[in-house]
Amino acid sequence: MNIKAQQVEPPFWWVGMNNDVVQIMIHHDGIANLQMKSSSDDVEILKVHKVDNENYVFVDLKIKSTAKAGIIKFDFYKGKKRRPVYTFDYELKQRREGSAQRKGFGQEDVMYLLMPDRFANGDANNDNVKGYPEQADRSNPDGRHGGDLKGIENNLDYLQDLGISAIWLNPVMENNMPAVSYHGYAITDFYKVDARFGSNSDYLKMVQTANSKKIKIVMDMVFNHCASEHYWMNDMPDSSWIHNFPEFTRSNYRGGTLMDPHASNYDKKIMSHGWFDKTMPDLDQTNPYLAKYLIQNSIWWVEYADLGGIRMDTYPYADHDFMNEWVAAVYNEYPNFNIVGEAWLQTVANTAYFQNNTFADKKAVSKLNTVTDFPLCYAMNSAFNEQDSWTDGVASLYMTLAQDFVYSNADSNLIFLENHDIDRFASNINGDFDKWKMGMTFLMTTRGIPMIYYGGEFMTEGRGQKSHGYMRTDFPGGWEGDSVNVFTGTNMSEKQVKSLAFSKYLLKLRNEHTALQTGKLTHYIPKDSYYIYFRSNAEESFMIVLNNSDKEYSLSLHDFAESLDGYSRIKNASDDNISDIKDKVMLDAKSATIFQLFK
């Protein structure tokens, strides 16, 4: 009898992978009581692992180097019976040409973070789907609003015109929870796109369209926890699948305990084993079958969807050794790929702990290339509101970057003014256009990989005091009937028009000049409320000046002779007027000016 097991994961695999062994999890009533065989010449069953629950087996399957793409038949026998009790088919697919050599996102890119439920509704038919209890309700800040993959695909031209070359979507995997399912971080099926966003095929089509426009797609993944409605919670594979306490125990969220030489074991355990929320059971990645499951899941999505990167949620919360094993496994298959880990920590040293080879101590070595630079984010959000002093104002930018020696490669840090978990930058500066221009200019011209949070390009505001939903408002024009449509430029406010135009100018400038992407950063100690830095390579050089004062300033260039050496002409990057370098330049109050230098 041919069966459709309750779950077979990964649902299929590929021939020609660097690692020729895949571990298949089969979930079916009493499956561990049967013997599994295959007569295929393309594969070899190395071992069938049994766990506490007889409804699961984990099958190590070796895919031979001579294997061809096609269907593999598996038979299940009971006792000495000669005829199989069950059979099922497993597909081996052909890889895309050049898949292993795919290039991940990097310093040359500008990333765009968007929340799929809040960006654009391209298919109203999937707003409410049978079997999903939470219905669409745009009036509820914490409800589902109906954004989907079709809406993203329909508006890729807008992002391309803006200058975006990589898009990070908050998780699109199934979140079939009774409430607050819009954000995506409580996953109920790791191999299925949430039907209210579309299908797996819709996701693949969206990625293909993005790639055709030279836009990489970065998938948001979550290994720290699953959802309380995941099928595992009703039929746990193994007693060590999740971390359990006698009573509900929430994480203390203190990532600094992991490297704190004085931390108690109690605090460390609560940090890494405590649940992120009551609806998010904490996964135990030291379980070898779960570890293999998660590693293969990420590789499956990269290969299936042709991804250009991964963003890993709550990176410090998962087991450190496992995360290193995972990163190594991904890079083993895709050596030119990139992963950014969410390391939401307040200090440079704590953040750097999670970057590749920052510390020599083998217990601390990480394999992760890119980390989220929250310390620089905090500095950017305070710099333009503060009175300038030895440490405050623009000096906070200087002081933060001066600690880059702690990182193994600060140039690969993901930098941002805001994201989906913190108040909007425009709100933090009280909607001040000049301060916003300073923040955006710094973001696009300093070291690192810049990221824009959707709507940030036209000064969207929002604070999360009442709920996070207020920081995740709908993109204007993403829904039929919206009075303001940024995609078409309809009924936009003067501030929206001005800020969007300025964002396009900055991204165009960065995209056209490698010095602003990968050039050497040289900065000077802030004085009198101004901060000056240079981005230079062998071909070109830029001087960026932030004047944080409320007054105009006549800036003497004498102190910057070492960076100006060899250059005789200068122009404001926003116009075409090239002139000889003089002793002084005039700076507008509360301004950011980019100067291009010429020999």
Protein backbone atom coordinates (compact mmCIF):
# COMPACT_ATOMS: atom_id res chain seq x y z
CA MET A 1 0.00 0.00 0.00
CA ASN A 2 1.46 3.35 -1.01
CA ILE A 3 1.32 5.81 1.88
CA LYS A 4 1.58 9.52 2.31
CA ALA A 5 3.39 9.73 5.61
CA GLN A 6 2.29 12.47 7.96
CA GLN A 7 5.65 14.16 7.39
CA VAL A 8 8.69 13.33 5.25
CA GLU A 9 11.29 16.06 5.71
CA PRO A 10 13.17 17.22 3.73
CA PRO A 11 10.37 16.51 1.22
CA PHE A 12 12.98 15.94 -1.53
CA TRP A 13 16.72 16.40 -2.06
CA TRP A 14 19.28 16.80 -4.85
CA VAL A 15 21.98 14.81 -6.57
CA GLY A 16 25.44 16.34 -6.73
CA MET A 17 25.53 18.00 -3.32
CA ASN A 18 28.91 18.32 -1.63
CA ASN A 19 27.63 16.37 1.37
CA ASP A 20 26.36 13.12 -0.13
CA VAL A 21 24.38 12.03 2.95
CA VAL A 22 20.93 13.38 3.78
CA GLN A 23 19.00 12.44 6.91
CA ILE A 24 15.29 12.03 6.23
CA MET A 25 12.82 12.39 9.09
CA ILE A 26 9.75 10.21 8.55
CA HIS A 27 6.77 10.78 10.83
CA HIS A 28 4.03 8.15 10.65
CA ASP A 29 2.15 6.05 13.16
CA GLY A 30 4.33 3.15 14.33
CA ILE A 31 6.90 3.67 11.57
CA ALA A 32 9.77 2.60 13.86
CA ASN A 33 8.30 -0.92 14.07
CA LEU A 34 8.93 -1.53 10.38
CA GLN A 35 12.06 -2.30 8.35
CA MET A 36 12.95 0.09 5.54
CA LYS A 37 14.55 -1.00 2.26
CA SER A 38 15.23 0.32 -1.22
CA SER A 39 16.32 -1.52 -4.36
CA SER A 40 17.59 1.67 -6.01
CA ASP A 41 21.16 1.69 -7.34
CA ASP A 42 21.35 5.46 -6.79
CA VAL A 43 21.19 5.45 -3.00
CA GLU A 44 22.24 3.44 0.02
CA ILE A 45 20.41 3.36 3.34
CA LEU A 46 23.27 3.73 5.80
CA LYS A 47 21.25 3.60 9.00
CA VAL A 48 17.71 3.93 10.29
CA HIS A 49 17.78 5.72 13.65
CA LYS A 50 15.01 5.12 16.15
CA VAL A 51 14.15 7.57 18.93
CA ASP A 52 11.87 7.64 21.98
CA ASN A 53 8.75 8.00 19.87
CA GLU A 54 7.95 5.02 17.62
CA ASN A 55 6.16 7.36 15.24
CA TYR A 56 9.50 8.71 13.99
CA VAL A 57 12.57 7.36 12.25
CA PHE A 58 15.59 9.28 10.99
CA VAL A 59 17.10 7.70 7.91
CA ASP A 60 20.71 8.34 6.84
CA LEU A 61 20.62 8.11 3.06
CA LYS A 62 23.80 8.16 1.00
CA ILE A 63 23.34 9.55 -2.49
CA LYS A 64 25.90 7.94 -4.76
CA SER A 65 28.12 10.02 -7.03
CA THR A 66 26.60 8.22 -10.02
CA ALA A 67 23.01 8.96 -8.92
CA LYS A 68 20.65 10.44 -11.46
CA ALA A 69 17.73 12.74 -10.76
CA GLY A 70 14.51 10.79 -10.41
CA ILE A 71 12.18 8.96 -8.03
CA ILE A 72 13.49 6.58 -5.35
CA LYS A 73 11.07 3.96 -4.05
CA PHE A 74 11.22 2.96 -0.38
CA ASP A 75 9.53 -0.17 0.99
CA PHE A 76 8.56 -0.84 4.60
CA TYR A 77 8.27 -4.42 5.84
CA LYS A 78 6.82 -5.84 9.03
CA GLY A 79 8.46 -8.87 10.58
CA LYS A 80 9.20 -11.62 8.06
CA LYS A 81 6.53 -10.65 5.59
CA ARG A 82 7.83 -10.72 2.01
CA ARG A 83 5.51 -8.04 0.70
CA PRO A 84 5.92 -4.46 1.91
CA VAL A 85 3.31 -3.07 4.25
CA TYR A 86 3.95 0.45 2.97
CA THR A 87 5.83 2.09 0.11
CA PHE A 88 6.54 5.71 -0.64
CA ASP A 89 8.40 7.67 -3.29
CA TYR A 90 11.22 10.14 -2.65
CA GLU A 91 12.47 12.50 -5.33
CA LEU A 92 16.07 13.42 -6.06
CA LYS A 93 16.23 16.58 -8.16
CA GLN A 94 18.88 18.01 -10.47
CA ARG A 95 20.68 21.08 -9.13
CA ARG A 96 20.72 24.42 -10.94
CA GLU A 97 23.85 25.02 -12.94
CA GLY A 98 26.37 26.92 -10.80
CA SER A 99 24.26 26.58 -7.67
CA ALA A 100 27.20 25.83 -5.40
CA GLN A 101 29.06 28.96 -6.51
CA ARG A 102 26.19 31.39 -5.84
CA LYS A 103 27.35 34.70 -4.37
CA GLY A 104 25.72 35.92 -1.21
CA PHE A 105 25.01 39.53 -0.26
CA GLY A 106 27.96 41.73 0.69
CA GLN A 107 29.35 45.24 1.01
CA GLU A 108 28.39 46.08 -2.55
CA ASP A 109 24.70 45.67 -1.68
CA VAL A 110 22.05 47.84 -0.10
CA MET A 111 19.59 45.62 1.76
CA TYR A 112 15.89 46.30 2.28
CA LEU A 113 13.98 44.75 5.18
CA LEU A 114 10.26 44.35 4.68
CA MET A 115 7.50 42.64 6.59
CA PRO A 116 5.52 40.61 4.02
CA ASP A 117 2.18 41.06 5.79
CA ARG A 118 2.60 44.85 5.81
CA PHE A 119 4.15 45.62 2.40
CA ALA A 120 1.57 44.99 -0.32
CA ASN A 121 -1.53 42.86 -0.89
CA GLY A 122 -1.22 41.40 -4.37
CA ASP A 123 -3.84 38.66 -3.97
CA ALA A 124 -6.88 39.36 -1.80
CA ASN A 125 -8.03 35.75 -2.29
CA ASN A 126 -5.45 34.48 0.21
CA ASP A 127 -6.22 37.02 2.95
CA ASN A 128 -8.31 34.40 4.74
CA VAL A 129 -7.55 30.72 4.19
CA LYS A 130 -9.44 27.67 5.41
CA GLY A 131 -7.57 25.94 8.22
CA TYR A 132 -5.94 29.15 9.43
CA PRO A 133 -7.88 30.56 12.39
CA GLU A 134 -6.54 34.12 12.32
CA GLN A 135 -8.39 36.26 9.80
CA ALA A 136 -7.22 39.46 8.14
CA ASP A 137 -8.04 42.66 10.04
CA ARG A 138 -6.22 45.84 8.99
CA SER A 139 -7.74 47.76 11.90
CA ASN A 140 -5.77 45.63 14.39
CA PRO A 141 -2.11 46.74 14.64
CA ASP A 142 -1.18 43.23 15.80
CA GLY A 143 -3.40 41.35 13.37
CA ARG A 144 -2.86 40.11 9.86
CA HIS A 145 -3.30 42.77 7.20
CA GLY A 146 -3.11 40.69 4.02
CA GLY A 147 0.28 41.50 2.52
CA ASP A 148 1.69 38.62 0.48
CA LEU A 149 4.36 37.40 -1.92
CA LYS A 150 2.44 38.55 -4.98
CA GLY A 151 2.38 42.05 -3.54
CA ILE A 152 6.15 41.99 -3.16
CA GLU A 153 6.68 40.64 -6.67
CA ASN A 154 4.37 43.28 -8.13
CA ASN A 155 6.45 46.07 -6.62
CA LEU A 156 10.01 44.91 -7.22
CA ASP A 157 10.41 47.67 -9.81
CA TYR A 158 9.96 50.24 -7.05
CA LEU A 159 12.77 48.65 -5.04
CA GLN A 160 15.00 48.34 -8.09
CA ASP A 161 14.42 52.02 -8.89
CA LEU A 162 15.27 52.90 -5.29
CA GLY A 163 18.62 51.15 -5.72
CA ILE A 164 18.03 48.05 -3.60
CA SER A 165 20.04 44.93 -4.46
CA ALA A 166 19.07 42.58 -1.60
CA ILE A 167 15.74 42.07 0.18
CA TRP A 168 15.37 40.50 3.61
CA LEU A 169 11.81 39.37 4.25
CA ASN A 170 10.65 38.62 7.78
CA PRO A 171 9.80 34.88 7.96
CA VAL A 172 7.40 33.55 5.34
CA MET A 173 7.19 29.99 6.67
CA GLU A 174 3.86 28.82 8.03
CA ASN A 175 2.77 30.50 11.27
CA ASN A 176 -0.60 28.88 11.86
CA MET A 177 -1.17 30.44 15.26
CA PRO A 178 -4.48 31.65 16.69
CA ALA A 179 -3.26 35.26 17.05
CA VAL A 180 -0.37 37.63 16.24
CA SER A 181 0.80 35.38 13.42
CA TYR A 182 1.66 38.22 11.03
CA HIS A 183 5.30 38.66 12.07
CA GLY A 184 6.31 35.11 11.16
CA TYR A 185 8.53 34.16 14.08
CA ALA A 186 6.43 31.30 15.48
CA ILE A 187 6.90 28.66 12.80
CA THR A 188 4.46 25.75 12.55
CA ASP A 189 5.98 24.20 9.40
CA PHE A 190 9.62 24.71 8.47
CA TYR A 191 9.13 23.49 4.89
CA LYS A 192 5.97 25.34 3.92
CA VAL A 193 5.24 28.97 3.08
CA ASP A 194 2.27 30.33 5.00
CA ALA A 195 -0.72 29.99 2.67
CA ARG A 196 -1.80 33.55 3.48
CA PHE A 197 1.41 34.71 1.80
CA GLY A 198 1.07 32.25 -1.07
CA SER A 199 2.61 28.88 -1.85
CA ASN A 200 6.15 27.55 -2.06
CA SER A 201 5.84 27.98 -5.82
CA ASP A 202 4.80 31.60 -5.35
CA TYR A 203 7.88 32.18 -3.22
CA LEU A 204 10.08 30.60 -5.86
CA LYS A 205 8.50 32.78 -8.56
CA MET A 206 9.02 35.92 -6.50
CA VAL A 207 12.70 35.04 -5.99
CA GLN A 208 13.15 34.35 -9.70
CA THR A 209 11.61 37.71 -10.59
CA ALA A 210 13.82 39.47 -8.05
CA ASN A 211 16.93 37.72 -9.34
CA SER A 212 16.07 38.78 -12.88
CA LYS A 213 16.26 42.37 -11.60
CA LYS A 214 19.62 41.66 -9.91
CA ILE A 215 18.04 41.64 -6.46
CA LYS A 216 19.06 38.90 -4.03
CA ILE A 217 16.53 37.44 -1.61
CA VAL A 218 17.64 36.88 1.98
CA MET A 219 15.51 34.39 3.91
CA ASP A 220 14.79 34.95 7.60
CA MET A 221 15.20 31.68 9.51
CA VAL A 222 14.55 30.72 13.13
CA PHE A 223 16.43 27.87 14.81
CA ASN A 224 16.06 28.94 18.45
CA HIS A 225 12.40 28.02 18.74
CA CYS A 226 9.33 26.72 16.96
CA ALA A 227 5.66 27.51 17.55
CA SER A 228 3.52 25.97 20.25
CA GLU A 229 1.17 24.83 17.45
CA HIS A 230 3.91 22.95 15.57
CA TYR A 231 3.06 19.27 15.10
CA TRP A 232 6.11 18.34 17.17
CA MET A 233 4.37 19.68 20.26
CA ASN A 234 1.52 17.19 19.83
CA ASP A 235 3.80 14.25 19.03
CA MET A 236 7.30 14.99 20.31
CA PRO A 237 10.00 13.02 18.45
CA ASP A 238 12.31 12.73 21.43
CA SER A 239 12.42 13.74 25.09
CA SER A 240 15.32 16.13 24.44
CA TRP A 241 13.70 17.95 21.50
CA ILE A 242 12.92 21.08 23.51
CA HIS A 243 14.14 22.66 26.73
CA ASN A 244 11.69 22.11 29.57
CA PHE A 245 11.44 23.51 33.08
CA PRO A 246 9.10 22.45 35.92
CA GLU A 247 7.10 25.58 35.13
CA PHE A 248 7.15 28.07 32.26
CA THR A 249 10.48 29.90 32.26
CA ARG A 250 11.13 32.82 29.98
CA SER A 251 14.61 33.68 28.72
CA ASN A 252 16.26 36.56 30.55
CA TYR A 253 17.34 37.86 27.10
CA ARG A 254 20.76 38.69 28.55
CA GLY A 255 23.06 37.61 25.73
CA GLY A 256 26.02 39.12 27.54
CA THR A 257 25.96 36.27 30.06
CA LEU A 258 27.30 33.91 27.39
CA MET A 259 30.74 35.54 27.38
CA ASP A 260 30.67 37.13 30.84
CA PRO A 261 33.59 35.61 32.82
CA HIS A 262 31.70 36.31 36.06
CA ALA A 263 28.26 35.04 35.01
CA SER A 264 26.49 32.37 37.03
CA ASN A 265 25.59 29.10 35.37
CA TYR A 266 22.00 29.81 36.40
CA ASP A 267 21.85 33.03 34.38
CA LYS A 268 23.54 31.42 31.39
CA LYS A 269 21.06 28.56 31.40
CA ILE A 270 18.02 30.83 31.62
CA MET A 271 19.40 32.90 28.75
CA SER A 272 19.88 29.98 26.36
CA HIS A 273 17.28 27.46 27.60
CA GLY A 274 14.44 29.75 28.65
CA TRP A 275 11.59 30.13 26.18
CA PHE A 276 11.46 33.29 24.08
CA ASP A 277 7.72 33.46 24.69
CA LYS A 278 4.92 31.19 25.86
CA THR A 279 4.04 30.42 22.25
CA MET A 280 7.67 29.73 21.26
CA PRO A 281 9.05 26.47 22.71
CA ASP A 282 12.85 26.57 22.97
CA LEU A 283 14.51 23.99 20.73
CA ASP A 284 17.44 21.92 22.04
CA GLN A 285 19.94 21.92 19.19
CA THR A 286 22.23 19.51 21.07
CA ASN A 287 19.81 16.78 20.01
CA PRO A 288 21.68 15.35 16.99
CA TYR A 289 18.54 14.63 14.96
CA LEU A 290 17.09 18.09 15.52
CA ALA A 291 20.48 19.62 14.69
CA LYS A 292 20.63 17.73 11.40
CA TYR A 293 17.00 18.63 10.67
CA LEU A 294 17.64 22.36 11.05
CA ILE A 295 20.89 22.33 9.07
CA GLN A 296 19.27 20.50 6.17
CA ASN A 297 16.23 22.76 6.30
CA SER A 298 18.34 25.84 5.63
CA ILE A 299 20.30 24.15 2.83
CA TRP A 300 17.03 22.92 1.32
CA TRP A 301 15.66 26.47 1.12
CA VAL A 302 18.88 27.88 -0.35
CA GLU A 303 18.89 25.21 -3.06
CA TYR A 304 15.15 25.15 -3.71
CA ALA A 305 14.51 28.89 -3.76
CA ASP A 306 17.86 30.07 -5.15
CA LEU A 307 18.54 32.32 -2.18
CA GLY A 308 21.16 35.05 -1.96
CA GLY A 309 21.53 34.99 1.80
CA ILE A 310 20.18 33.96 5.19
CA ARG A 311 19.31 36.11 8.18
CA MET A 312 19.30 33.99 11.35
CA ASP A 313 16.96 35.15 14.08
CA THR A 314 18.02 35.22 17.77
CA TYR A 315 21.50 33.93 16.91
CA PRO A 316 23.00 34.02 20.45
CA TYR A 317 20.10 32.06 21.97
CA ALA A 318 20.78 28.77 20.17
CA ASP A 319 23.58 26.38 21.13
CA HIS A 320 26.91 27.99 20.18
CA ASP A 321 28.59 24.79 18.96
CA PHE A 322 25.56 23.88 16.88
CA MET A 323 25.45 27.30 15.25
CA ASN A 324 29.10 26.94 14.25
CA GLU A 325 28.33 23.49 12.83
CA TRP A 326 25.40 24.94 10.89
CA VAL A 327 27.36 27.87 9.42
CA ALA A 328 30.16 25.50 8.40
CA ALA A 329 27.67 23.13 6.73
CA VAL A 330 26.10 25.95 4.71
CA TYR A 331 29.49 27.29 3.60
CA ASN A 332 30.58 23.76 2.75
CA GLU A 333 27.82 23.68 0.13
CA TYR A 334 28.00 27.38 -0.83
CA PRO A 335 31.50 28.80 -0.17
CA ASN A 336 30.63 32.27 -1.55
CA PHE A 337 27.38 32.60 0.38
CA ASN A 338 26.67 34.94 3.30
CA ILE A 339 24.71 34.72 6.52
CA VAL A 340 23.87 37.53 8.93
CA GLY A 341 23.16 36.59 12.50
CA GLU A 342 20.90 38.70 14.66
CA ALA A 343 23.18 39.50 17.59
CA TRP A 344 21.03 41.98 19.48
CA LEU A 345 23.54 43.14 22.06
CA GLN A 346 24.32 46.57 23.43
CA THR A 347 28.12 46.63 23.34
CA VAL A 348 30.71 46.27 20.61
CA ALA A 349 32.62 43.52 22.43
CA ASN A 350 29.50 41.43 23.06
CA THR A 351 28.47 41.78 19.41
CA ALA A 352 31.94 40.98 18.08
CA TYR A 353 31.92 37.73 20.07
CA PHE A 354 29.63 36.25 17.41
CA GLN A 355 31.71 37.24 14.39
CA ASN A 356 34.14 34.86 12.71
CA ASN A 357 37.45 34.46 14.58
CA THR A 358 37.11 37.59 16.70
CA PHE A 359 38.59 35.84 19.71
CA ALA A 360 41.45 33.37 19.79
CA ASP A 361 39.94 31.34 22.64
CA LYS A 362 38.57 28.23 20.92
CA LYS A 363 35.52 28.28 23.19
CA ALA A 364 34.55 31.63 21.74
CA VAL A 365 35.42 31.18 18.08
CA SER A 366 32.46 31.82 15.79
CA LYS A 367 32.17 30.99 12.09
CA LEU A 368 29.65 33.74 11.31
CA ASN A 369 30.80 36.39 8.81
CA THR A 370 28.17 39.09 9.33
CA VAL A 371 26.53 40.34 12.51
CA THR A 372 23.84 42.95 13.10
CA ASP A 373 25.53 46.12 14.34
CA PHE A 374 23.17 47.25 17.10
CA PRO A 375 25.83 49.35 18.90
CA LEU A 376 26.21 51.53 15.80
CA CYS A 377 22.41 51.66 15.41
CA TYR A 378 22.08 53.00 18.95
CA ALA A 379 24.80 55.58 18.28
CA MET A 380 23.05 56.76 15.10
CA ASN A 381 19.74 57.12 16.93
CA SER A 382 21.24 59.29 19.65
CA ALA A 383 23.92 61.26 17.78
CA PHE A 384 21.73 63.86 16.10
CA ASN A 385 19.55 64.57 19.14
CA GLU A 386 22.33 65.10 21.66
CA GLN A 387 24.42 68.10 22.60
CA ASP A 388 27.90 67.41 21.27
CA SER A 389 30.52 66.60 23.89
CA TRP A 390 33.54 64.35 24.40
CA THR A 391 31.33 61.25 24.06
CA ASP A 392 27.87 62.45 22.97
CA GLY A 393 26.44 63.74 19.72
CA VAL A 394 28.45 62.88 16.62
CA ALA A 395 31.26 61.82 18.96
CA SER A 396 29.19 58.70 19.72
CA LEU A 397 29.57 57.69 16.06
CA TYR A 398 33.31 58.21 16.26
CA MET A 399 33.60 56.39 19.60
CA THR A 400 31.64 53.39 18.33
CA LEU A 401 33.66 53.05 15.12
CA ALA A 402 36.90 53.51 17.05
CA GLN A 403 36.15 50.14 18.66
CA ASP A 404 36.11 48.33 15.31
CA PHE A 405 39.42 46.70 16.25
CA VAL A 406 37.38 44.26 18.34
CA TYR A 407 35.68 42.85 15.22
CA SER A 408 37.49 40.51 12.88
CA ASN A 409 35.83 42.33 9.95
CA ALA A 410 33.64 45.30 10.83
CA ASP A 411 33.26 46.06 7.11
CA SER A 412 30.90 43.09 6.84
CA ASN A 413 28.60 44.24 9.67
CA LEU A 414 24.96 44.84 8.77
CA ILE A 415 24.21 48.47 9.69
CA PHE A 416 20.81 50.12 10.04
CA LEU A 417 18.96 53.06 11.54
CA GLU A 418 15.93 50.96 12.47
CA ASN A 419 14.35 47.55 12.10
CA HIS A 420 11.10 45.77 12.89
CA ASP A 421 11.83 45.49 16.63
CA ILE A 422 12.73 49.07 17.54
CA ASP A 423 11.18 52.52 17.24
CA ARG A 424 11.41 54.20 13.87
CA PHE A 425 14.39 56.50 13.35
CA ALA A 426 12.13 59.30 12.07
CA SER A 427 10.18 59.14 15.33
CA ASN A 428 13.33 59.23 17.43
CA ILE A 429 14.36 62.49 15.72
CA ASN A 430 10.80 63.88 15.95
CA GLY A 431 10.40 63.96 12.18
CA ASP A 432 13.26 66.43 11.68
CA PHE A 433 14.18 66.28 7.98
CA ASP A 434 17.71 67.64 8.42
CA LYS A 435 18.53 65.13 11.16
CA TRP A 436 17.08 62.35 9.01
CA LYS A 437 19.32 63.40 6.09
CA MET A 438 22.33 63.21 8.39
CA GLY A 439 21.39 59.73 9.56
CA MET A 440 20.72 58.43 6.06
CA THR A 441 23.92 59.97 4.70
CA PHE A 442 25.99 58.37 7.43
CA LEU A 443 24.25 55.01 6.90
CA MET A 444 25.03 55.03 3.18
CA THR A 445 28.62 56.26 3.41
CA THR A 446 30.20 54.61 6.45
CA ARG A 447 31.63 51.10 6.61
CA GLY A 448 29.39 48.04 6.59
CA ILE A 449 26.41 46.70 4.64
CA PRO A 450 23.57 49.25 4.88
CA MET A 451 19.98 48.18 5.39
CA ILE A 452 16.79 50.21 5.02
CA TYR A 453 13.65 49.17 6.90
CA TYR A 454 10.64 49.45 4.62
CA GLY A 455 9.25 52.97 4.59
CA GLY A 456 12.41 54.36 6.12
CA GLU A 457 13.32 55.76 2.72
CA PHE A 458 10.50 58.31 3.05
CA MET A 459 10.59 58.93 6.82
CA THR A 460 7.88 56.56 8.05
CA GLU A 461 7.31 57.07 11.77
CA GLY A 462 6.17 54.65 14.47
CA ARG A 463 6.83 53.74 18.08
CA GLY A 464 6.26 50.42 19.81
CA GLN A 465 5.08 51.65 23.20
CA LYS A 466 1.56 50.27 22.73
CA SER A 467 2.59 47.31 20.58
CA HIS A 468 5.12 46.37 17.93
CA GLY A 469 2.41 46.69 15.30
CA TYR A 470 2.81 50.47 15.37
CA MET A 471 6.39 50.08 14.15
CA ARG A 472 5.19 47.79 11.37
CA THR A 473 2.53 49.85 9.64
CA ASP A 474 1.26 49.15 6.14
CA PHE A 475 3.27 50.49 3.21
CA PRO A 476 1.22 53.34 1.67
CA GLY A 477 -0.18 52.13 -1.64
CA GLY A 478 0.17 48.45 -0.94
CA TRP A 479 -3.60 48.00 -0.62
CA GLU A 480 -6.32 48.82 -3.09
CA GLY A 481 -8.01 52.03 -2.05
CA ASP A 482 -5.05 53.49 -0.13
CA SER A 483 -5.28 57.28 -0.36
CA VAL A 484 -1.49 57.63 -0.47
CA ASN A 485 0.44 55.46 -2.91
CA VAL A 486 4.22 55.70 -2.71
CA PHE A 487 4.63 53.11 -5.47
CA THR A 488 2.97 55.48 -7.95
CA GLY A 489 3.78 58.77 -6.20
CA THR A 490 0.11 59.59 -5.61
CA ASN A 491 -0.90 62.03 -2.83
CA MET A 492 2.48 61.85 -1.10
CA SER A 493 3.30 64.57 1.41
CA GLU A 494 6.04 67.09 0.68
CA LYS A 495 8.27 65.43 3.27
CA GLN A 496 7.70 61.99 1.74
CA VAL A 497 8.57 63.28 -1.73
CA LYS A 498 11.71 65.07 -0.54
CA SER A 499 12.97 62.20 1.60
CA LEU A 500 12.34 59.56 -1.07
CA ALA A 501 14.20 61.66 -3.63
CA PHE A 502 17.11 62.07 -1.22
CA SER A 503 17.20 58.31 -0.55
CA LYS A 504 17.36 57.61 -4.28
CA TYR A 505 20.21 60.11 -4.63
CA LEU A 506 22.19 58.45 -1.82
CA LEU A 507 21.68 54.90 -3.09
CA LYS A 508 22.55 55.87 -6.64
CA LEU A 509 25.74 57.51 -5.43
CA ARG A 510 26.72 54.49 -3.34
CA ASN A 511 25.88 52.02 -6.08
CA GLU A 512 27.99 53.91 -8.62
CA HIS A 513 31.13 54.31 -6.47
CA THR A 514 33.07 51.38 -5.04
CA ALA A 515 34.88 53.69 -2.61
CA LEU A 516 31.57 54.13 -0.77
CA GLN A 517 31.04 50.37 -0.70
CA THR A 518 34.42 48.86 0.10
CA GLY A 519 36.81 51.80 0.38
CA LYS A 520 39.06 52.39 3.37
CA LEU A 521 37.42 54.42 6.13
CA THR A 522 39.54 57.16 7.70
CA HIS A 523 37.88 59.42 10.26
CA TYR A 524 38.93 62.37 12.37
CA ILE A 525 38.13 63.26 15.97
CA PRO A 526 34.95 65.36 16.03
CA LYS A 527 35.42 69.05 16.82
CA ASP A 528 32.93 71.88 17.27
CA SER A 529 29.99 69.59 16.42
CA TYR A 530 31.37 68.42 13.07
CA TYR A 531 32.55 64.93 12.18
CA ILE A 532 34.63 64.26 9.06
CA TYR A 533 35.54 60.96 7.47
CA PHE A 534 36.88 59.74 4.13
CA ARG A 535 36.09 56.66 2.04
CA SER A 536 38.88 55.94 -0.42
CA ASN A 537 40.35 53.34 -2.74
CA ALA A 538 42.96 53.45 -5.48
CA GLU A 539 40.52 54.98 -7.98
CA GLU A 540 38.50 57.52 -6.01
CA SER A 541 37.96 59.29 -2.71
CA PHE A 542 35.06 60.95 -0.90
CA MET A 543 35.02 63.33 2.05
CA ILE A 544 31.85 63.25 4.15
CA VAL A 545 31.13 66.03 6.62
CA LEU A 546 28.41 65.94 9.29
CA ASN A 547 27.69 69.30 10.92
CA ASN A 548 25.60 68.62 14.02
CA SER A 549 25.44 72.27 14.99
CA ASP A 550 22.41 74.53 14.62
CA LYS A 551 24.70 77.09 13.00
CA GLU A 552 26.60 77.36 9.74
CA TYR A 553 30.27 76.54 10.01
CA SER A 554 33.36 77.55 8.06
CA LEU A 555 35.50 74.43 8.06
CA SER A 556 39.25 74.66 7.65
CA LEU A 557 40.66 71.72 5.68
CA HIS A 558 44.16 72.09 7.11
CA ASP A 559 43.77 69.24 9.62
CA PHE A 560 42.81 66.77 6.90
CA ALA A 561 45.88 67.19 4.71
CA GLU A 562 46.86 63.53 4.88
CA SER A 563 43.55 62.45 3.35
CA LEU A 564 43.55 65.29 0.81
CA ASP A 565 47.12 64.65 -0.31
CA GLY A 566 47.26 64.07 -4.07
CA TYR A 567 43.88 65.70 -4.72
CA SER A 568 43.52 69.21 -6.13
CA ARG A 569 39.85 69.52 -7.03
CA ILE A 570 36.58 68.96 -5.21
CA LYS A 571 32.85 68.94 -5.86
CA ASN A 572 29.70 68.51 -3.86
CA ALA A 573 28.40 65.10 -4.94
CA SER A 574 24.91 66.54 -5.34
CA ASP A 575 25.91 68.85 -8.21
CA ASP A 576 28.33 69.04 -11.15
CA ASN A 577 30.42 72.04 -10.12
CA ILE A 578 34.06 71.03 -9.76
CA SER A 579 36.41 73.59 -8.22
CA ASP A 580 39.92 73.80 -6.82
CA ILE A 581 40.32 72.70 -3.22
CA LYS A 582 40.51 75.83 -1.07
CA ASP A 583 41.48 76.30 2.57
CA LYS A 584 37.89 76.24 3.79
CA VAL A 585 34.43 74.94 2.94
CA MET A 586 31.12 76.26 4.23
CA LEU A 587 28.78 73.87 6.00
CA ASP A 588 25.06 74.43 6.42
CA ALA A 589 23.57 74.02 9.88
CA LYS A 590 22.45 70.48 10.73
CA SER A 591 23.78 69.12 7.47
CA ALA A 592 25.47 66.17 5.84
CA THR A 593 27.62 66.92 2.81
CA ILE A 594 29.37 64.45 0.53
CA PHE A 595 32.36 65.81 -1.37
CA GLN A 596 34.00 63.93 -4.22
CA LEU A 597 37.74 64.51 -4.63
CA PHE A 598 39.66 64.66 -7.91
CA LYS A 599 43.38 64.55 -8.64
